[in-house]
Amino acid sequence: MVGDRFIWLRVTICTLKLYIAKPQEPKFMFSIQTTYTNARQNLAKLFDRVATENTIALITRKNHPDIAIIRADELSSILETLHLLRSPANAEKLNQAIERSIARDSETVISSESLEQFCEELEIDR
C-alpha cells in the first residue's frame, strides 16, 4: 500500500504495467470473481482456470476480507519485481531500460530481402 492507493503489478515478457486504484475498487482487476461457497464447491475447476488463463481469482466472503488465488510463478514474479523496484535508483534504471526497449521496438525492421542478402554475405544457410 502506498498512501491511500492500492498498487498491483503485472509483469509480462517485456512490459511492466502498473494498475493503480483506490483500495475499495480493486475488484475490476480480477477476471474471476466468485463467492466462498461457489469456490469451495468448484475448487478444482477454479484452480484449473486460474492456472490455464494465468489470471487471478477473487473470492469474496461475508464479514471477512476478500482472498485472491494466483499462480505461484506469477506471485513470485510480482514479488521479485517489487523487490527490484524497492530501490528508487534501481527502479529508474529499469524504467530507462524499458523505455530503450520500447524505442528499439519502434525502429525500422529489416526487410526480408535485406536479411536474405545479409545471410548470403555471411554464408548462412536458412
N, C-alpha and C. Protein backbone atom coordinates (compact mmCIF):
# COMPACT_ATOMS: atom_id res chain seq x y z
N MET A 1 0.83 -1.18 0.00
CA MET A 1 0.00 0.00 0.00
C MET A 1 0.88 1.25 0.00
N VAL A 2 0.52 2.18 -0.81
CA VAL A 2 1.21 3.44 -0.87
C VAL A 2 0.17 4.52 -0.59
N GLY A 3 0.23 5.13 0.59
CA GLY A 3 -0.75 6.14 0.95
C GLY A 3 -2.15 5.55 0.91
N ASP A 4 -3.03 6.19 0.15
CA ASP A 4 -4.40 5.69 0.05
C ASP A 4 -4.62 4.95 -1.26
N ARG A 5 -3.56 4.45 -1.85
CA ARG A 5 -3.69 3.77 -3.13
C ARG A 5 -3.25 2.32 -3.03
N PHE A 6 -3.84 1.50 -3.87
CA PHE A 6 -3.51 0.08 -3.98
C PHE A 6 -2.75 -0.09 -5.29
N ILE A 7 -1.58 -0.69 -5.26
CA ILE A 7 -0.79 -0.87 -6.47
C ILE A 7 -0.72 -2.36 -6.79
N TRP A 8 -1.03 -2.70 -8.03
CA TRP A 8 -0.97 -4.08 -8.49
C TRP A 8 -0.04 -4.11 -9.69
N LEU A 9 0.93 -5.01 -9.70
CA LEU A 9 1.89 -5.13 -10.78
C LEU A 9 1.60 -6.37 -11.60
N ARG A 10 1.66 -6.21 -12.91
CA ARG A 10 1.55 -7.35 -13.79
C ARG A 10 2.79 -7.32 -14.68
N VAL A 11 3.53 -8.40 -14.67
CA VAL A 11 4.77 -8.46 -15.43
C VAL A 11 4.56 -9.38 -16.62
N THR A 12 4.88 -8.88 -17.80
CA THR A 12 4.88 -9.72 -18.99
C THR A 12 6.32 -9.76 -19.48
N ILE A 13 6.58 -10.40 -20.59
CA ILE A 13 7.95 -10.62 -21.03
C ILE A 13 8.74 -9.31 -21.10
N CYS A 14 8.22 -8.29 -21.74
CA CYS A 14 8.99 -7.06 -21.91
C CYS A 14 8.29 -5.84 -21.32
N THR A 15 7.15 -6.00 -20.76
CA THR A 15 6.39 -4.84 -20.33
C THR A 15 6.01 -4.96 -18.87
N LEU A 16 6.15 -3.88 -18.17
CA LEU A 16 5.72 -3.80 -16.79
C LEU A 16 4.57 -2.80 -16.76
N LYS A 17 3.40 -3.24 -16.34
CA LYS A 17 2.25 -2.37 -16.31
C LYS A 17 1.86 -2.14 -14.86
N LEU A 18 1.61 -0.91 -14.51
CA LEU A 18 1.16 -0.58 -13.17
C LEU A 18 -0.31 -0.21 -13.24
N TYR A 19 -1.11 -0.88 -12.46
CA TYR A 19 -2.51 -0.56 -12.36
C TYR A 19 -2.73 0.03 -10.97
N ILE A 20 -3.24 1.24 -10.92
CA ILE A 20 -3.42 1.90 -9.64
C ILE A 20 -4.92 2.17 -9.44
N ALA A 21 -5.41 1.79 -8.27
CA ALA A 21 -6.82 2.02 -7.93
C ALA A 21 -6.92 2.30 -6.45
N LYS A 22 -8.03 2.87 -6.08
CA LYS A 22 -8.27 3.09 -4.66
C LYS A 22 -8.53 1.74 -4.00
N PRO A 23 -8.21 1.57 -2.71
CA PRO A 23 -8.37 0.28 -2.06
C PRO A 23 -9.77 -0.31 -2.15
N GLN A 24 -10.80 0.51 -2.18
CA GLN A 24 -12.15 -0.05 -2.24
C GLN A 24 -12.55 -0.46 -3.65
N GLU A 25 -11.67 -0.27 -4.67
CA GLU A 25 -12.02 -0.57 -6.04
C GLU A 25 -11.13 -1.63 -6.71
N PRO A 26 -10.50 -2.56 -6.01
CA PRO A 26 -9.58 -3.48 -6.69
C PRO A 26 -10.27 -4.56 -7.49
N LYS A 27 -11.57 -4.75 -7.33
CA LYS A 27 -12.24 -5.88 -7.96
C LYS A 27 -12.23 -5.81 -9.48
N PHE A 28 -12.08 -4.62 -10.07
CA PHE A 28 -12.09 -4.51 -11.52
C PHE A 28 -10.91 -5.24 -12.15
N MET A 29 -9.87 -5.51 -11.39
CA MET A 29 -8.66 -6.11 -11.93
C MET A 29 -8.77 -7.63 -12.06
N PHE A 30 -9.78 -8.23 -11.51
CA PHE A 30 -9.85 -9.68 -11.46
C PHE A 30 -10.89 -10.19 -12.45
N SER A 31 -10.45 -11.02 -13.40
CA SER A 31 -11.39 -11.55 -14.37
C SER A 31 -12.27 -12.65 -13.78
N ILE A 32 -11.83 -13.24 -12.67
CA ILE A 32 -12.63 -14.25 -11.99
C ILE A 32 -13.01 -13.71 -10.62
N GLN A 33 -14.30 -13.60 -10.37
CA GLN A 33 -14.79 -13.20 -9.06
C GLN A 33 -15.88 -14.19 -8.66
N THR A 34 -15.76 -14.71 -7.48
CA THR A 34 -16.73 -15.70 -7.03
C THR A 34 -16.89 -15.63 -5.52
N THR A 35 -17.90 -16.27 -5.02
CA THR A 35 -18.12 -16.32 -3.58
C THR A 35 -17.35 -17.49 -2.99
N TYR A 36 -17.18 -17.46 -1.68
CA TYR A 36 -16.51 -18.54 -0.98
C TYR A 36 -17.24 -19.86 -1.21
N THR A 37 -18.55 -19.84 -1.11
CA THR A 37 -19.35 -21.06 -1.27
C THR A 37 -19.15 -21.65 -2.66
N ASN A 38 -19.24 -20.82 -3.69
CA ASN A 38 -19.05 -21.29 -5.06
C ASN A 38 -17.63 -21.78 -5.27
N ALA A 39 -16.65 -21.08 -4.73
CA ALA A 39 -15.25 -21.50 -4.87
C ALA A 39 -15.03 -22.86 -4.22
N ARG A 40 -15.58 -23.05 -3.05
CA ARG A 40 -15.43 -24.33 -2.34
C ARG A 40 -16.05 -25.47 -3.14
N GLN A 41 -17.21 -25.22 -3.74
CA GLN A 41 -17.89 -26.28 -4.50
C GLN A 41 -17.20 -26.59 -5.82
N ASN A 42 -16.44 -25.63 -6.35
CA ASN A 42 -15.80 -25.81 -7.65
C ASN A 42 -14.30 -25.54 -7.58
N LEU A 43 -13.68 -25.95 -6.49
CA LEU A 43 -12.29 -25.59 -6.24
C LEU A 43 -11.34 -26.08 -7.34
N ALA A 44 -11.46 -27.33 -7.75
CA ALA A 44 -10.56 -27.87 -8.78
C ALA A 44 -10.71 -27.10 -10.08
N LYS A 45 -11.95 -26.82 -10.48
CA LYS A 45 -12.20 -26.06 -11.71
C LYS A 45 -11.64 -24.65 -11.59
N LEU A 46 -11.80 -24.05 -10.42
CA LEU A 46 -11.28 -22.70 -10.19
C LEU A 46 -9.76 -22.70 -10.31
N PHE A 47 -9.09 -23.66 -9.67
CA PHE A 47 -7.64 -23.76 -9.77
C PHE A 47 -7.20 -23.96 -11.22
N ASP A 48 -7.90 -24.84 -11.96
CA ASP A 48 -7.55 -25.09 -13.36
C ASP A 48 -7.69 -23.82 -14.19
N ARG A 49 -8.75 -23.07 -13.96
CA ARG A 49 -8.98 -21.84 -14.73
C ARG A 49 -7.90 -20.80 -14.42
N VAL A 50 -7.56 -20.64 -13.14
CA VAL A 50 -6.51 -19.70 -12.76
C VAL A 50 -5.19 -20.11 -13.42
N ALA A 51 -4.90 -21.40 -13.43
CA ALA A 51 -3.65 -21.89 -14.00
C ALA A 51 -3.60 -21.73 -15.51
N THR A 52 -4.67 -22.12 -16.21
CA THR A 52 -4.64 -22.08 -17.68
C THR A 52 -4.77 -20.66 -18.23
N GLU A 53 -5.55 -19.82 -17.57
CA GLU A 53 -5.75 -18.45 -18.05
C GLU A 53 -4.72 -17.48 -17.48
N ASN A 54 -3.88 -17.97 -16.57
CA ASN A 54 -2.89 -17.13 -15.89
C ASN A 54 -3.53 -15.84 -15.40
N THR A 55 -4.59 -16.00 -14.63
CA THR A 55 -5.33 -14.88 -14.09
C THR A 55 -5.39 -14.97 -12.58
N ILE A 56 -6.04 -14.03 -11.98
CA ILE A 56 -6.20 -14.02 -10.53
C ILE A 56 -7.69 -14.14 -10.22
N ALA A 57 -8.03 -15.02 -9.30
CA ALA A 57 -9.41 -15.18 -8.89
C ALA A 57 -9.62 -14.48 -7.55
N LEU A 58 -10.68 -13.73 -7.47
CA LEU A 58 -11.04 -13.04 -6.23
C LEU A 58 -12.19 -13.78 -5.59
N ILE A 59 -12.00 -14.19 -4.34
CA ILE A 59 -13.04 -14.90 -3.60
C ILE A 59 -13.56 -13.97 -2.52
N THR A 60 -14.85 -13.70 -2.57
CA THR A 60 -15.47 -12.81 -1.59
C THR A 60 -16.12 -13.62 -0.48
N ARG A 61 -16.02 -13.09 0.74
CA ARG A 61 -16.63 -13.74 1.91
C ARG A 61 -17.36 -12.69 2.73
N LYS A 62 -18.49 -13.06 3.25
CA LYS A 62 -19.24 -12.13 4.10
C LYS A 62 -18.48 -11.89 5.40
N ASN A 63 -18.37 -10.64 5.78
CA ASN A 63 -17.75 -10.24 7.04
C ASN A 63 -16.28 -10.65 7.17
N HIS A 64 -15.63 -10.90 6.04
CA HIS A 64 -14.20 -11.24 6.02
C HIS A 64 -13.55 -10.54 4.83
N PRO A 65 -12.25 -10.34 4.91
CA PRO A 65 -11.56 -9.74 3.75
C PRO A 65 -11.62 -10.68 2.54
N ASP A 66 -11.62 -10.09 1.34
CA ASP A 66 -11.58 -10.89 0.12
C ASP A 66 -10.22 -11.59 0.04
N ILE A 67 -10.19 -12.72 -0.63
CA ILE A 67 -8.98 -13.52 -0.80
C ILE A 67 -8.73 -13.70 -2.30
N ALA A 68 -7.47 -13.67 -2.70
CA ALA A 68 -7.12 -13.86 -4.11
C ALA A 68 -6.35 -15.16 -4.28
N ILE A 69 -6.62 -15.85 -5.39
CA ILE A 69 -5.87 -17.04 -5.77
C ILE A 69 -5.07 -16.67 -7.01
N ILE A 70 -3.77 -16.94 -6.96
CA ILE A 70 -2.86 -16.57 -8.05
C ILE A 70 -1.87 -17.71 -8.25
N ARG A 71 -1.42 -17.89 -9.50
CA ARG A 71 -0.41 -18.91 -9.77
C ARG A 71 0.87 -18.56 -9.00
N ALA A 72 1.54 -19.56 -8.51
CA ALA A 72 2.75 -19.35 -7.71
C ALA A 72 3.84 -18.65 -8.51
N ASP A 73 4.01 -19.02 -9.78
CA ASP A 73 5.06 -18.38 -10.59
C ASP A 73 4.73 -16.90 -10.84
N GLU A 74 3.46 -16.57 -10.97
CA GLU A 74 3.06 -15.18 -11.14
C GLU A 74 3.32 -14.39 -9.86
N LEU A 75 3.00 -14.98 -8.72
CA LEU A 75 3.26 -14.33 -7.44
C LEU A 75 4.75 -14.11 -7.24
N SER A 76 5.54 -15.11 -7.58
CA SER A 76 6.99 -14.99 -7.48
C SER A 76 7.51 -13.84 -8.35
N SER A 77 6.97 -13.74 -9.55
CA SER A 77 7.37 -12.66 -10.46
C SER A 77 7.00 -11.29 -9.89
N ILE A 78 5.82 -11.18 -9.33
CA ILE A 78 5.38 -9.92 -8.73
C ILE A 78 6.27 -9.55 -7.55
N LEU A 79 6.56 -10.52 -6.69
CA LEU A 79 7.41 -10.24 -5.53
C LEU A 79 8.82 -9.86 -5.95
N GLU A 80 9.35 -10.50 -7.00
CA GLU A 80 10.68 -10.15 -7.50
C GLU A 80 10.68 -8.73 -8.05
N THR A 81 9.62 -8.38 -8.77
CA THR A 81 9.51 -7.02 -9.32
C THR A 81 9.44 -6.00 -8.19
N LEU A 82 8.65 -6.28 -7.18
CA LEU A 82 8.57 -5.36 -6.04
C LEU A 82 9.93 -5.19 -5.37
N HIS A 83 10.66 -6.29 -5.25
CA HIS A 83 12.00 -6.23 -4.66
C HIS A 83 12.92 -5.34 -5.50
N LEU A 84 12.86 -5.52 -6.82
CA LEU A 84 13.72 -4.74 -7.70
C LEU A 84 13.35 -3.26 -7.71
N LEU A 85 12.06 -2.96 -7.54
CA LEU A 85 11.60 -1.58 -7.56
C LEU A 85 11.70 -0.89 -6.21
N ARG A 86 12.09 -1.62 -5.18
CA ARG A 86 12.20 -1.05 -3.84
C ARG A 86 13.21 0.08 -3.80
N SER A 87 14.29 -0.07 -4.53
CA SER A 87 15.32 0.97 -4.59
C SER A 87 14.95 1.97 -5.69
N PRO A 88 14.79 3.26 -5.36
CA PRO A 88 14.46 4.25 -6.39
C PRO A 88 15.48 4.30 -7.52
N ALA A 89 16.77 4.14 -7.20
CA ALA A 89 17.80 4.17 -8.23
C ALA A 89 17.64 2.97 -9.18
N ASN A 90 17.38 1.81 -8.62
CA ASN A 90 17.20 0.61 -9.44
C ASN A 90 15.92 0.73 -10.27
N ALA A 91 14.87 1.27 -9.67
CA ALA A 91 13.61 1.46 -10.40
C ALA A 91 13.82 2.39 -11.59
N GLU A 92 14.60 3.44 -11.41
CA GLU A 92 14.88 4.36 -12.51
C GLU A 92 15.66 3.67 -13.62
N LYS A 93 16.64 2.85 -13.26
CA LYS A 93 17.41 2.11 -14.26
C LYS A 93 16.50 1.16 -15.05
N LEU A 94 15.61 0.49 -14.34
CA LEU A 94 14.69 -0.43 -15.02
C LEU A 94 13.74 0.32 -15.94
N ASN A 95 13.23 1.46 -15.50
CA ASN A 95 12.34 2.26 -16.35
C ASN A 95 13.07 2.75 -17.60
N GLN A 96 14.32 3.15 -17.45
CA GLN A 96 15.11 3.59 -18.60
C GLN A 96 15.33 2.43 -19.58
N ALA A 97 15.58 1.24 -19.03
CA ALA A 97 15.77 0.07 -19.89
C ALA A 97 14.49 -0.26 -20.65
N ILE A 98 13.34 -0.14 -19.99
CA ILE A 98 12.05 -0.38 -20.65
C ILE A 98 11.84 0.65 -21.76
N GLU A 99 12.15 1.91 -21.46
CA GLU A 99 12.00 2.96 -22.48
C GLU A 99 12.89 2.71 -23.68
N ARG A 100 14.13 2.27 -23.43
CA ARG A 100 15.04 1.95 -24.54
C ARG A 100 14.49 0.78 -25.37
N SER A 101 13.94 -0.22 -24.68
CA SER A 101 13.38 -1.38 -25.37
C SER A 101 12.19 -0.97 -26.24
N ILE A 102 11.33 -0.13 -25.70
CA ILE A 102 10.17 0.34 -26.46
C ILE A 102 10.62 1.15 -27.67
N ALA A 103 11.61 2.01 -27.48
CA ALA A 103 12.13 2.81 -28.59
C ALA A 103 12.73 1.91 -29.67
N ARG A 104 13.45 0.88 -29.24
CA ARG A 104 14.05 -0.07 -30.18
C ARG A 104 12.98 -0.83 -30.95
N ASP A 105 11.88 -1.15 -30.26
CA ASP A 105 10.78 -1.87 -30.92
C ASP A 105 10.14 -1.05 -32.03
N SER A 106 10.19 0.28 -31.89
CA SER A 106 9.56 1.14 -32.90
C SER A 106 10.49 1.47 -34.05
N GLU A 107 11.75 1.02 -33.99
CA GLU A 107 12.69 1.26 -35.09
C GLU A 107 12.30 0.45 -36.31
N THR A 108 12.81 0.84 -37.44
CA THR A 108 12.52 0.16 -38.71
C THR A 108 13.02 -1.28 -38.64
N VAL A 109 12.17 -2.17 -39.08
CA VAL A 109 12.51 -3.59 -39.09
C VAL A 109 13.23 -3.90 -40.40
N ILE A 110 14.22 -4.76 -40.32
CA ILE A 110 14.97 -5.16 -41.51
C ILE A 110 14.05 -5.94 -42.44
N SER A 111 14.05 -5.58 -43.70
CA SER A 111 13.21 -6.29 -44.66
C SER A 111 13.74 -7.70 -44.87
N SER A 112 12.86 -8.56 -45.35
CA SER A 112 13.27 -9.96 -45.56
C SER A 112 14.32 -10.05 -46.66
N GLU A 113 14.27 -9.15 -47.66
CA GLU A 113 15.29 -9.15 -48.71
C GLU A 113 16.66 -8.80 -48.13
N SER A 114 16.69 -7.78 -47.28
CA SER A 114 17.95 -7.39 -46.66
C SER A 114 18.49 -8.52 -45.80
N LEU A 115 17.60 -9.20 -45.13
CA LEU A 115 18.01 -10.31 -44.28
C LEU A 115 18.58 -11.44 -45.13
N GLU A 116 17.95 -11.71 -46.26
CA GLU A 116 18.45 -12.74 -47.16
C GLU A 116 19.85 -12.37 -47.68
N GLN A 117 20.02 -11.11 -48.05
CA GLN A 117 21.32 -10.65 -48.54
C GLN A 117 22.37 -10.77 -47.44
N PHE A 118 21.99 -10.41 -46.22
CA PHE A 118 22.90 -10.49 -45.09
C PHE A 118 23.34 -11.94 -44.86
N CYS A 119 22.38 -12.86 -44.92
CA CYS A 119 22.71 -14.28 -44.73
C CYS A 119 23.62 -14.79 -45.84
N GLU A 120 23.38 -14.35 -47.07
CA GLU A 120 24.23 -14.75 -48.18
C GLU A 120 25.66 -14.25 -47.99
N GLU A 121 25.78 -12.98 -47.57
CA GLU A 121 27.10 -12.40 -47.35
C GLU A 121 27.89 -13.17 -46.29
N LEU A 122 27.18 -13.64 -45.27
CA LEU A 122 27.85 -14.37 -44.19
C LEU A 122 27.86 -15.87 -44.44
N GLU A 123 27.33 -16.28 -45.60
CA GLU A 123 27.26 -17.69 -45.99
C GLU A 123 26.51 -18.52 -44.94
N ILE A 124 25.36 -17.98 -44.54
CA ILE A 124 24.49 -18.68 -43.58
C ILE A 124 23.34 -19.31 -44.35
N ASP A 125 23.16 -20.62 -44.16
CA ASP A 125 22.05 -21.32 -44.80
C ASP A 125 20.79 -21.07 -43.98
N ARG A 126 19.73 -20.75 -44.67
CA ARG A 126 18.45 -20.53 -44.00
C ARG A 126 17.46 -21.57 -44.36
